[in-house]
């Protein structure tokens, strides 16, 4: 059985917003590396769905959400959960943000 990656619309928007910010701040090449790093991180999570630490979120819908950093971009955190057919990427949030309120939106 092939395990897949489902990227929620909010997570997709997060990736684009972060890449735009990185491009303005550090250049297009770094922004493209961010996208590549996120994709590598998602693939690693798909292969090893329990490697991120569990989140302390109280929302029952998010009870099994885990949160590793994006490879080589440690300030960005992936919020995902293992599901029966792979993983679901819920959000990708900068570590300085109030992740609990953002993830539970």
PDB file of N, CA and C in Angstrom:
ATOM      1  N   UNK A   1       0.837  -1.187   0.000  1.00  0.00           N
ATOM      2  CA  UNK A   1       0.000   0.000   0.000  1.00  0.00           C
ATOM      3  C   UNK A   1       0.884   1.253   0.000  1.00  0.00           C
ATOM      4  N   UNK A   2       0.622   2.154  -0.904  1.00  0.00           N
ATOM      5  CA  UNK A   2       1.374   3.400  -0.977  1.00  0.00           C
ATOM      6  C   UNK A   2       0.766   4.412  -0.018  1.00  0.00           C
ATOM      7  N   UNK A   3       1.607   4.977   0.796  1.00  0.00           N
ATOM      8  CA  UNK A   3       1.146   5.995   1.741  1.00  0.00           C
ATOM      9  C   UNK A   3       1.284   7.352   1.074  1.00  0.00           C
ATOM     10  N   UNK A   4       0.265   8.189   1.241  1.00  0.00           N
ATOM     11  CA  UNK A   4       0.261   9.480   0.568  1.00  0.00           C
ATOM     12  C   UNK A   4       0.425  10.657   1.517  1.00  0.00           C
ATOM     13  N   UNK A   5       0.460  11.826   0.907  1.00  0.00           N
ATOM     14  CA  UNK A   5       0.581  13.085   1.642  1.00  0.00           C
ATOM     15  C   UNK A   5      -0.589  13.961   1.228  1.00  0.00           C
ATOM     16  N   UNK A   6      -1.423  14.322   2.189  1.00  0.00           N
ATOM     17  CA  UNK A   6      -2.522  15.247   1.949  1.00  0.00           C
ATOM     18  C   UNK A   6      -2.130  16.588   2.558  1.00  0.00           C
ATOM     19  N   UNK A   7      -2.061  17.614   1.723  1.00  0.00           N
ATOM     20  CA  UNK A   7      -1.718  18.956   2.211  1.00  0.00           C
ATOM     21  C   UNK A   7      -3.000  19.772   2.258  1.00  0.00           C
ATOM     22  N   UNK A   8      -3.415  20.148   3.446  1.00  0.00           N
ATOM     23  CA  UNK A   8      -4.622  20.951   3.634  1.00  0.00           C
ATOM     24  C   UNK A   8      -4.438  22.331   3.000  1.00  0.00           C
ATOM     25  N   UNK A   9      -5.532  22.966   2.554  1.00  0.00           N
ATOM     26  CA  UNK A   9      -5.428  24.297   1.941  1.00  0.00           C
ATOM     27  C   UNK A   9      -4.715  25.322   2.822  1.00  0.00           C
ATOM     28  N   UNK A  10      -4.961  25.301   4.121  1.00  0.00           N
ATOM     29  CA  UNK A  10      -4.289  26.260   5.014  1.00  0.00           C
ATOM     30  C   UNK A  10      -2.779  26.044   5.004  1.00  0.00           C
ATOM     31  N   UNK A  11      -2.346  24.793   4.964  1.00  0.00           N
ATOM     32  CA  UNK A  11      -0.906  24.494   4.927  1.00  0.00           C
ATOM     33  C   UNK A  11      -0.296  24.946   3.607  1.00  0.00           C
ATOM     34  N   UNK A  12      -1.026  24.769   2.529  1.00  0.00           N
ATOM     35  CA  UNK A  12      -0.544  25.221   1.224  1.00  0.00           C
ATOM     36  C   UNK A  12      -0.388  26.742   1.208  1.00  0.00           C
ATOM     37  N   UNK A  13      -1.369  27.445   1.767  1.00  0.00           N
ATOM     38  CA  UNK A  13      -1.270  28.912   1.877  1.00  0.00           C
ATOM     39  C   UNK A  13      -0.085  29.305   2.751  1.00  0.00           C
ATOM     40  N   UNK A  14       0.102  28.575   3.855  1.00  0.00           N
ATOM     41  CA  UNK A  14       1.240  28.860   4.743  1.00  0.00           C
ATOM     42  C   UNK A  14       2.552  28.772   3.975  1.00  0.00           C
ATOM     43  N   UNK A  15       2.730  27.698   3.224  1.00  0.00           N
ATOM     44  CA  UNK A  15       3.969  27.505   2.463  1.00  0.00           C
ATOM     45  C   UNK A  15       4.212  28.669   1.508  1.00  0.00           C
ATOM     46  N   UNK A  16       3.160  29.066   0.792  1.00  0.00           N
ATOM     47  CA  UNK A  16       3.305  30.170  -0.164  1.00  0.00           C
ATOM     48  C   UNK A  16       3.634  31.487   0.535  1.00  0.00           C
ATOM     49  N   UNK A  17       2.972  31.759   1.659  1.00  0.00           N
ATOM     50  CA  UNK A  17       3.248  32.999   2.404  1.00  0.00           C
ATOM     51  C   UNK A  17       4.679  33.017   2.928  1.00  0.00           C
ATOM     52  N   UNK A  18       5.129  31.895   3.473  1.00  0.00           N
ATOM     53  CA  UNK A  18       6.502  31.831   3.989  1.00  0.00           C
ATOM     54  C   UNK A  18       7.511  31.997   2.860  1.00  0.00           C
ATOM     55  N   UNK A  19       7.248  31.351   1.734  1.00  0.00           N
ATOM     56  CA  UNK A  19       8.173  31.457   0.595  1.00  0.00           C
ATOM     57  C   UNK A  19       8.237  32.896   0.080  1.00  0.00           C
ATOM     58  N   UNK A  20       7.098  33.575   0.028  1.00  0.00           N
ATOM     59  CA  UNK A  20       7.107  34.988  -0.406  1.00  0.00           C
ATOM     60  C   UNK A  20       7.946  35.837   0.546  1.00  0.00           C
ATOM     61  N   UNK A  21       7.762  35.613   1.846  1.00  0.00           N
ATOM     62  CA  UNK A  21       8.535  36.371   2.832  1.00  0.00           C
ATOM     63  C   UNK A  21      10.030  36.070   2.679  1.00  0.00           C
ATOM     64  N   UNK A  22      10.368  34.804   2.566  1.00  0.00           N
ATOM     65  CA  UNK A  22      11.773  34.408   2.423  1.00  0.00           C
ATOM     66  C   UNK A  22      12.365  35.008   1.154  1.00  0.00           C
ATOM     67  N   UNK A  23      11.602  35.003   0.067  1.00  0.00           N
ATOM     68  CA  UNK A  23      12.092  35.577  -1.198  1.00  0.00           C
ATOM     69  C   UNK A  23      12.386  37.067  -1.037  1.00  0.00           C
ATOM     70  N   UNK A  24      11.498  37.795  -0.363  1.00  0.00           N
ATOM     71  CA  UNK A  24      11.729  39.233  -0.137  1.00  0.00           C
ATOM     72  C   UNK A  24      12.937  39.467   0.762  1.00  0.00           C
ATOM     73  N   UNK A  25      13.059  38.625   1.778  1.00  0.00           N
ATOM     74  CA  UNK A  25      14.098  38.818   2.789  1.00  0.00           C
ATOM     75  C   UNK A  25      15.461  38.264   2.367  1.00  0.00           C
ATOM     76  N   UNK A  26      15.458  37.107   1.696  1.00  0.00           N
ATOM     77  CA  UNK A  26      16.717  36.402   1.419  1.00  0.00           C
ATOM     78  C   UNK A  26      16.932  36.037  -0.040  1.00  0.00           C
ATOM     79  N   UNK A  27      15.955  36.281  -0.876  1.00  0.00           N
ATOM     80  CA  UNK A  27      16.113  35.998  -2.298  1.00  0.00           C
ATOM     81  C   UNK A  27      15.331  34.784  -2.762  1.00  0.00           C
ATOM     82  N   UNK A  28      15.084  34.757  -4.067  1.00  0.00           N
ATOM     83  CA  UNK A  28      14.288  33.699  -4.675  1.00  0.00           C
ATOM     84  C   UNK A  28      14.922  32.319  -4.503  1.00  0.00           C
ATOM     85  N   UNK A  29      16.228  32.238  -4.615  1.00  0.00           N
ATOM     86  CA  UNK A  29      16.900  30.943  -4.491  1.00  0.00           C
ATOM     87  C   UNK A  29      16.642  30.308  -3.123  1.00  0.00           C
ATOM     88  N   UNK A  30      16.687  31.114  -2.078  1.00  0.00           N
ATOM     89  CA  UNK A  30      16.441  30.589  -0.725  1.00  0.00           C
ATOM     90  C   UNK A  30      14.974  30.174  -0.590  1.00  0.00           C
ATOM     91  N   UNK A  31      14.069  30.958  -1.175  1.00  0.00           N
ATOM     92  CA  UNK A  31      12.646  30.606  -1.127  1.00  0.00           C
ATOM     93  C   UNK A  31      12.393  29.273  -1.826  1.00  0.00           C
ATOM     94  N   UNK A  32      13.046  29.053  -2.949  1.00  0.00           N
ATOM     95  CA  UNK A  32      12.892  27.779  -3.655  1.00  0.00           C
ATOM     96  C   UNK A  32      13.477  26.627  -2.841  1.00  0.00           C
ATOM     97  N   UNK A  33      14.571  26.889  -2.139  1.00  0.00           N
ATOM     98  CA  UNK A  33      15.139  25.863  -1.246  1.00  0.00           C
ATOM     99  C   UNK A  33      14.159  25.540  -0.113  1.00  0.00           C
ATOM    100  N   UNK A  34      13.424  26.559   0.349  1.00  0.00           N
ATOM    101  CA  UNK A  34      12.414  26.330   1.389  1.00  0.00           C
ATOM    102  C   UNK A  34      11.350  25.348   0.885  1.00  0.00           C
ATOM    103  N   UNK A  35      10.836  25.580  -0.334  1.00  0.00           N
ATOM    104  CA  UNK A  35       9.852  24.649  -0.901  1.00  0.00           C
ATOM    105  C   UNK A  35      10.426  23.235  -0.987  1.00  0.00           C
ATOM    106  N   UNK A  36      11.657  23.116  -1.469  1.00  0.00           N
ATOM    107  CA  UNK A  36      12.293  21.798  -1.580  1.00  0.00           C
ATOM    108  C   UNK A  36      12.446  21.144  -0.211  1.00  0.00           C
ATOM    109  N   UNK A  37      12.853  21.937   0.779  1.00  0.00           N
ATOM    110  CA  UNK A  37      13.038  21.407   2.133  1.00  0.00           C
ATOM    111  C   UNK A  37      11.709  20.950   2.723  1.00  0.00           C
ATOM    112  N   UNK A  38      10.651  21.707   2.474  1.00  0.00           N
ATOM    113  CA  UNK A  38       9.328  21.310   2.962  1.00  0.00           C
ATOM    114  C   UNK A  38       8.917  19.985   2.317  1.00  0.00           C
ATOM    115  N   UNK A  39       9.130  19.861   1.023  1.00  0.00           N
ATOM    116  CA  UNK A  39       8.789  18.621   0.323  1.00  0.00           C
ATOM    117  C   UNK A  39       9.593  17.442   0.871  1.00  0.00           C
ATOM    118  N   UNK A  40      10.881  17.645   1.116  1.00  0.00           N
ATOM    119  CA  UNK A  40      11.710  16.579   1.704  1.00  0.00           C
ATOM    120  C   UNK A  40      11.202  16.200   3.087  1.00  0.00           C
ATOM    121  N   UNK A  41      10.825  17.207   3.868  1.00  0.00           N
ATOM    122  CA  UNK A  41      10.306  16.953   5.211  1.00  0.00           C
ATOM    123  C   UNK A  41       9.017  16.146   5.135  1.00  0.00           C
ATOM    124  N   UNK A  42       8.112  16.527   4.237  1.00  0.00           N
ATOM    125  CA  UNK A  42       6.844  15.806   4.095  1.00  0.00           C
ATOM    126  C   UNK A  42       7.089  14.355   3.685  1.00  0.00           C
ATOM    127  N   UNK A  43       8.029  14.136   2.792  1.00  0.00           N
ATOM    128  CA  UNK A  43       8.345  12.773   2.358  1.00  0.00           C
ATOM    129  C   UNK A  43       8.889  11.948   3.519  1.00  0.00           C
ATOM    130  N   UNK A  44       9.773  12.539   4.305  1.00  0.00           N
ATOM    131  CA  UNK A  44      10.309  11.843   5.474  1.00  0.00           C
ATOM    132  C   UNK A  44       9.186  11.488   6.452  1.00  0.00           C
ATOM    133  N   UNK A  45       8.263  12.424   6.660  1.00  0.00           N
ATOM    134  CA  UNK A  45       7.140  12.173   7.567  1.00  0.00           C
ATOM    135  C   UNK A  45       6.223  11.082   7.024  1.00  0.00           C
ATOM    136  N   UNK A  46       6.045  11.054   5.718  1.00  0.00           N
ATOM    137  CA  UNK A  46       5.226  10.006   5.102  1.00  0.00           C
ATOM    138  C   UNK A  46       5.848   8.634   5.362  1.00  0.00           C
ATOM    139  N   UNK A  47       7.168   8.564   5.250  1.00  0.00           N
ATOM    140  CA  UNK A  47       7.864   7.292   5.455  1.00  0.00           C
ATOM    141  C   UNK A  47       7.957   6.900   6.925  1.00  0.00           C
ATOM    142  N   UNK A  48       8.024   7.898   7.802  1.00  0.00           N
ATOM    143  CA  UNK A  48       8.169   7.674   9.249  1.00  0.00           C
ATOM    144  C   UNK A  48       7.169   8.577   9.974  1.00  0.00           C
ATOM    145  N   UNK A  49       5.892   8.222   9.959  1.00  0.00           N
ATOM    146  CA  UNK A  49       4.847   9.135  10.421  1.00  0.00           C
ATOM    147  C   UNK A  49       4.831   9.463  11.912  1.00  0.00           C
ATOM    148  N   UNK A  50       5.646   8.823  12.706  1.00  0.00           N
ATOM    149  CA  UNK A  50       5.621   9.103  14.147  1.00  0.00           C
ATOM    150  C   UNK A  50       6.859   9.849  14.637  1.00  0.00           C
ATOM    151  N   UNK A  51       7.668  10.423  13.743  1.00  0.00           N
ATOM    152  CA  UNK A  51       8.916  11.034  14.205  1.00  0.00           C
ATOM    153  C   UNK A  51       8.750  12.416  14.827  1.00  0.00           C
ATOM    154  N   UNK A  52       7.710  13.129  14.498  1.00  0.00           N
ATOM    155  CA  UNK A  52       7.518  14.447  15.115  1.00  0.00           C
ATOM    156  C   UNK A  52       6.971  14.296  16.522  1.00  0.00           C
ATOM    157  N   UNK A  53       7.302  15.258  17.383  1.00  0.00           N
ATOM    158  CA  UNK A  53       6.764  15.153  18.748  1.00  0.00           C
ATOM    159  C   UNK A  53       5.291  15.537  18.750  1.00  0.00           C
ATOM    160  N   UNK A  54       4.538  14.950  19.654  1.00  0.00           N
ATOM    161  CA  UNK A  54       3.108  15.246  19.755  1.00  0.00           C
ATOM    162  C   UNK A  54       2.901  16.675  20.222  1.00  0.00           C
ATOM    163  N   UNK A  55       1.852  17.282  19.706  1.00  0.00           N
ATOM    164  CA  UNK A  55       1.530  18.647  20.121  1.00  0.00           C
ATOM    165  C   UNK A  55       0.696  18.607  21.394  1.00  0.00           C
ATOM    166  N   UNK A  56       0.753  19.684  22.175  1.00  0.00           N
ATOM    167  CA  UNK A  56      -0.037  19.745  23.403  1.00  0.00           C
ATOM    168  C   UNK A  56      -1.427  20.342  23.169  1.00  0.00           C
ATOM    169  N   UNK A  57      -1.969  20.232  21.973  1.00  0.00           N
ATOM    170  CA  UNK A  57      -3.242  20.872  21.640  1.00  0.00           C
ATOM    171  C   UNK A  57      -4.406  20.156  22.306  1.00  0.00           C
ATOM    172  N   UNK A  58      -5.379  20.934  22.751  1.00  0.00           N
ATOM    173  CA  UNK A  58      -6.525  20.376  23.467  1.00  0.00           C
ATOM    174  C   UNK A  58      -7.693  20.017  22.549  1.00  0.00           C
ATOM    175  N   UNK A  59      -7.740  20.567  21.361  1.00  0.00           N
ATOM    176  CA  UNK A  59      -8.825  20.313  20.423  1.00  0.00           C
ATOM    177  C   UNK A  59      -8.826  18.828  20.043  1.00  0.00           C
ATOM    178  N   UNK A  60      -9.948  18.102  20.268  1.00  0.00           N
ATOM    179  CA  UNK A  60      -9.983  16.668  19.959  1.00  0.00           C
ATOM    180  C   UNK A  60      -9.676  16.358  18.491  1.00  0.00           C
ATOM    181  N   UNK A  61     -10.061  17.241  17.574  1.00  0.00           N
ATOM    182  CA  UNK A  61      -9.791  17.053  16.152  1.00  0.00           C
ATOM    183  C   UNK A  61      -8.287  17.031  15.882  1.00  0.00           C
ATOM    184  N   UNK A  62      -7.525  17.719  16.729  1.00  0.00           N
ATOM    185  CA  UNK A  62      -6.077  17.834  16.541  1.00  0.00           C
ATOM    186  C   UNK A  62      -5.281  17.010  17.552  1.00  0.00           C
ATOM    187  N   UNK A  63      -5.955  16.109  18.237  1.00  0.00           N
ATOM    188  CA  UNK A  63      -5.324  15.368  19.333  1.00  0.00           C
ATOM    189  C   UNK A  63      -4.084  14.581  18.923  1.00  0.00           C
ATOM    190  N   UNK A  64      -4.024  14.104  17.712  1.00  0.00           N
ATOM    191  CA  UNK A  64      -2.887  13.279  17.289  1.00  0.00           C
ATOM    192  C   UNK A  64      -1.929  14.039  16.382  1.00  0.00           C
ATOM    193  N   UNK A  65      -1.993  15.355  16.444  1.00  0.00           N
ATOM    194  CA  UNK A  65      -1.122  16.183  15.615  1.00  0.00           C
ATOM    195  C   UNK A  65       0.300  16.148  16.164  1.00  0.00           C
ATOM    196  N   UNK A  66       1.264  16.124  15.246  1.00  0.00           N
ATOM    197  CA  UNK A  66       2.684  16.091  15.604  1.00  0.00           C
ATOM    198  C   UNK A  66       3.361  17.299  14.976  1.00  0.00           C
ATOM    199  N   UNK A  67       4.585  17.644  15.460  1.00  0.00           N
ATOM    200  CA  UNK A  67       5.190  18.897  15.005  1.00  0.00           C
ATOM    201  C   UNK A  67       6.708  18.883  14.897  1.00  0.00           C
ATOM    202  N   UNK A  68       7.255  18.438  13.775  1.00  0.00           N
ATOM    203  CA  UNK A  68       8.700  18.571  13.533  1.00  0.00           C
ATOM    204  C   UNK A  68       8.990  19.879  12.792  1.00  0.00           C
ATOM    205  N   UNK A  69      10.252  20.248  12.750  1.00  0.00           N
ATOM    206  CA  UNK A  69      10.675  21.433  11.988  1.00  0.00           C
ATOM    207  C   UNK A  69      10.908  21.053  10.528  1.00  0.00           C
ATOM    208  N   UNK A  70      10.808  22.060   9.654  1.00  0.00           N
ATOM    209  CA  UNK A  70      11.151  21.868   8.244  1.00  0.00           C
ATOM    210  C   UNK A  70      12.667  21.702   8.158  1.00  0.00           C
ATOM    211  N   UNK A  71      13.114  20.705   7.423  1.00  0.00           N
ATOM    212  CA  UNK A  71      14.544  20.422   7.274  1.00  0.00           C
ATOM    213  C   UNK A  71      15.301  21.673   6.819  1.00  0.00           C
ATOM    214  N   UNK A  72      16.355  22.022   7.536  1.00  0.00           N
ATOM    215  CA  UNK A  72      17.231  23.168   7.243  1.00  0.00           C
ATOM    216  C   UNK A  72      16.554  24.528   7.395  1.00  0.00           C
ATOM    217  N   UNK A  73      15.307  24.552   7.823  1.00  0.00           N
ATOM    218  CA  UNK A  73      14.584  25.794   8.091  1.00  0.00           C
ATOM    219  C   UNK A  73      13.899  25.620   9.448  1.00  0.00           C
ATOM    220  N   UNK A  74      14.715  25.474  10.482  1.00  0.00           N
ATOM    221  CA  UNK A  74      14.239  25.109  11.807  1.00  0.00           C
ATOM    222  C   UNK A  74      13.248  26.049  12.448  1.00  0.00           C
ATOM    223  N   UNK A  75      13.113  27.265  11.928  1.00  0.00           N
ATOM    224  CA  UNK A  75      12.131  28.195  12.485  1.00  0.00           C
ATOM    225  C   UNK A  75      10.716  27.900  12.008  1.00  0.00           C
ATOM    226  N   UNK A  76      10.580  27.019  11.035  1.00  0.00           N
ATOM    227  CA  UNK A  76       9.269  26.687  10.482  1.00  0.00           C
ATOM    228  C   UNK A  76       8.876  25.292  10.938  1.00  0.00           C
ATOM    229  N   UNK A  77       7.671  25.185  11.494  1.00  0.00           N
ATOM    230  CA  UNK A  77       7.212  23.939  12.098  1.00  0.00           C
ATOM    231  C   UNK A  77       6.045  23.379  11.284  1.00  0.00           C
ATOM    232  N   UNK A  78       6.112  22.086  10.995  1.00  0.00           N
ATOM    233  CA  UNK A  78       5.043  21.386  10.281  1.00  0.00           C
ATOM    234  C   UNK A  78       4.105  20.774  11.315  1.00  0.00           C
ATOM    235  N   UNK A  79       2.825  21.047  11.179  1.00  0.00           N
ATOM    236  CA  UNK A  79       1.815  20.404  12.013  1.00  0.00           C
ATOM    237  C   UNK A  79       1.115  19.382  11.129  1.00  0.00           C
ATOM    238  N   UNK A  80       1.254  18.114  11.490  1.00  0.00           N
ATOM    239  CA  UNK A  80       0.700  17.037  10.673  1.00  0.00           C
ATOM    240  C   UNK A  80       0.153  15.958  11.579  1.00  0.00           C
ATOM    241  N   UNK A  81      -0.605  15.063  10.976  1.00  0.00           N
ATOM    242  CA  UNK A  81      -1.059  13.896  11.729  1.00  0.00           C
ATOM    243  C   UNK A  81      -1.037  12.677  10.827  1.00  0.00           C
ATOM    244  N   UNK A  82      -0.655  11.557  11.406  1.00  0.00           N
ATOM    245  CA  UNK A  82      -0.728  10.305  10.659  1.00  0.00           C
ATOM    246  C   UNK A  82      -2.207   9.955  10.433  1.00  0.00           C
ATOM    247  N   UNK A  83      -2.535   9.523   9.242  1.00  0.00           N
ATOM    248  CA  UNK A  83      -3.881   9.049   8.918  1.00  0.00           C
ATOM    249  C   UNK A  83      -3.745   7.672   8.281  1.00  0.00           C
ATOM    250  N   UNK A  84      -4.863   6.995   8.089  1.00  0.00           N
ATOM    251  CA  UNK A  84      -4.801   5.601   7.625  1.00  0.00           C
ATOM    252  C   UNK A  84      -4.067   5.426   6.295  1.00  0.00           C
ATOM    253  N   UNK A  85      -4.122   6.425   5.420  1.00  0.00           N
ATOM    254  CA  UNK A  85      -3.493   6.270   4.104  1.00  0.00           C
ATOM    255  C   UNK A  85      -2.239   7.111   3.942  1.00  0.00           C
ATOM    256  N   UNK A  86      -1.661   7.582   5.040  1.00  0.00           N
ATOM    257  CA  UNK A  86      -0.439   8.384   4.946  1.00  0.00           C
ATOM    258  C   UNK A  86      -0.377   9.444   6.031  1.00  0.00           C
ATOM    259  N   UNK A  87      -0.146  10.690   5.599  1.00  0.00           N
ATOM    260  CA  UNK A  87      -0.113  11.800   6.552  1.00  0.00           C
ATOM    261  C   UNK A  87      -0.930  12.961   6.001  1.00  0.00           C
ATOM    262  N   UNK A  88      -1.395  13.789   6.921  1.00  0.00           N
ATOM    263  CA  UNK A  88      -2.149  14.986   6.578  1.00  0.00           C
ATOM    264  C   UNK A  88      -1.389  16.185   7.138  1.00  0.00           C
ATOM    265  N   UNK A  89      -0.968  17.086   6.252  1.00  0.00           N
ATOM    266  CA  UNK A  89      -0.273  18.303   6.668  1.00  0.00           C
ATOM    267  C   UNK A  89      -1.348  19.338   6.981  1.00  0.00           C
ATOM    268  N   UNK A  90      -1.417  19.756   8.240  1.00  0.00           N
ATOM    269  CA  UNK A  90      -2.472  20.667   8.691  1.00  0.00           C
ATOM    270  C   UNK A  90      -2.045  22.124   8.516  1.00  0.00           C
ATOM    271  N   UNK A  91      -0.857  22.469   8.982  1.00  0.00           N
ATOM    272  CA  UNK A  91      -0.332  23.835   8.871  1.00  0.00           C
ATOM    273  C   UNK A  91       1.190  23.774   8.832  1.00  0.00           C
ATOM    274  N   UNK A  92       1.801  24.869   8.363  1.00  0.00           N
ATOM    275  CA  UNK A  92       3.249  25.078   8.444  1.00  0.00           C
ATOM    276  C   UNK A  92       3.398  26.488   8.994  1.00  0.00           C
ATOM    277  N   UNK A  93       3.905  26.604  10.218  1.00  0.00           N
ATOM    278  CA  UNK A  93       3.869  27.873  10.947  1.00  0.00           C
ATOM    279  C   UNK A  93       5.263  28.256  11.425  1.00  0.00           C
ATOM    280  N   UNK A  94       5.558  29.543  11.381  1.00  0.00           N
ATOM    281  CA  UNK A  94       6.830  30.034  11.922  1.00  0.00           C
ATOM    282  C   UNK A  94       6.806  29.823  13.431  1.00  0.00           C
ATOM    283  N   UNK A  95       7.906  29.365  13.976  1.00  0.00           N
ATOM    284  CA  UNK A  95       7.989  29.022  15.390  1.00  0.00           C
ATOM    285  C   UNK A  95       7.735  30.164  16.352  1.00  0.00           C
ATOM    286  N   UNK A  96       7.845  31.402  15.895  1.00  0.00           N
ATOM    287  CA  UNK A  96       7.616  32.541  16.788  1.00  0.00           C
ATOM    288  C   UNK A  96       6.130  32.878  16.923  1.00  0.00           C
ATOM    289  N   UNK A  97       5.292  32.254  16.115  1.00  0.00           N
ATOM    290  CA  UNK A  97       3.857  32.550  16.131  1.00  0.00           C
ATOM    291  C   UNK A  97       3.151  31.763  17.227  1.00  0.00           C
ATOM    292  N   UNK A  98       1.942  32.190  17.574  1.00  0.00           N
ATOM    293  CA  UNK A  98       1.099  31.481  18.530  1.00  0.00           C
ATOM    294  C   UNK A  98       0.467  30.303  17.791  1.00  0.00           C
ATOM    295  N   UNK A  99       1.189  29.190  17.767  1.00  0.00           N
ATOM    296  CA  UNK A  99       0.759  28.074  16.935  1.00  0.00           C
ATOM    297  C   UNK A  99      -0.567  27.486  17.366  1.00  0.00           C
ATOM    298  N   UNK A 100      -0.850  27.483  18.657  1.00  0.00           N
ATOM    299  CA  UNK A 100      -2.091  26.846  19.105  1.00  0.00           C
ATOM    300  C   UNK A 100      -3.309  27.537  18.509  1.00  0.00           C
ATOM    301  N   UNK A 101      -3.345  28.859  18.552  1.00  0.00           N
ATOM    302  CA  UNK A 101      -4.507  29.554  17.992  1.00  0.00           C
ATOM    303  C   UNK A 101      -4.543  29.423  16.475  1.00  0.00           C
ATOM    304  N   UNK A 102      -3.386  29.383  15.824  1.00  0.00           N
ATOM    305  CA  UNK A 102      -3.354  29.277  14.364  1.00  0.00           C
ATOM    306  C   UNK A 102      -3.761  27.883  13.891  1.00  0.00           C
ATOM    307  N   UNK A 103      -3.274  26.856  14.538  1.00  0.00           N
ATOM    308  CA  UNK A 103      -3.577  25.487  14.118  1.00  0.00           C
ATOM    309  C   UNK A 103      -5.043  25.177  14.364  1.00  0.00           C
ATOM    310  N   UNK A 104      -5.612  25.739  15.405  1.00  0.00           N
ATOM    311  CA  UNK A 104      -6.994  25.429  15.746  1.00  0.00           C
ATOM    312  C   UNK A 104      -8.002  26.264  14.974  1.00  0.00           C
ATOM    313  N   UNK A 105      -7.545  27.127  14.070  1.00  0.00           N
ATOM    314  CA  UNK A 105      -8.470  27.932  13.259  1.00  0.00           C
ATOM    315  C   UNK A 105      -9.260  27.052  12.334  1.00  0.00           C
TER     316      UNK A 105
END
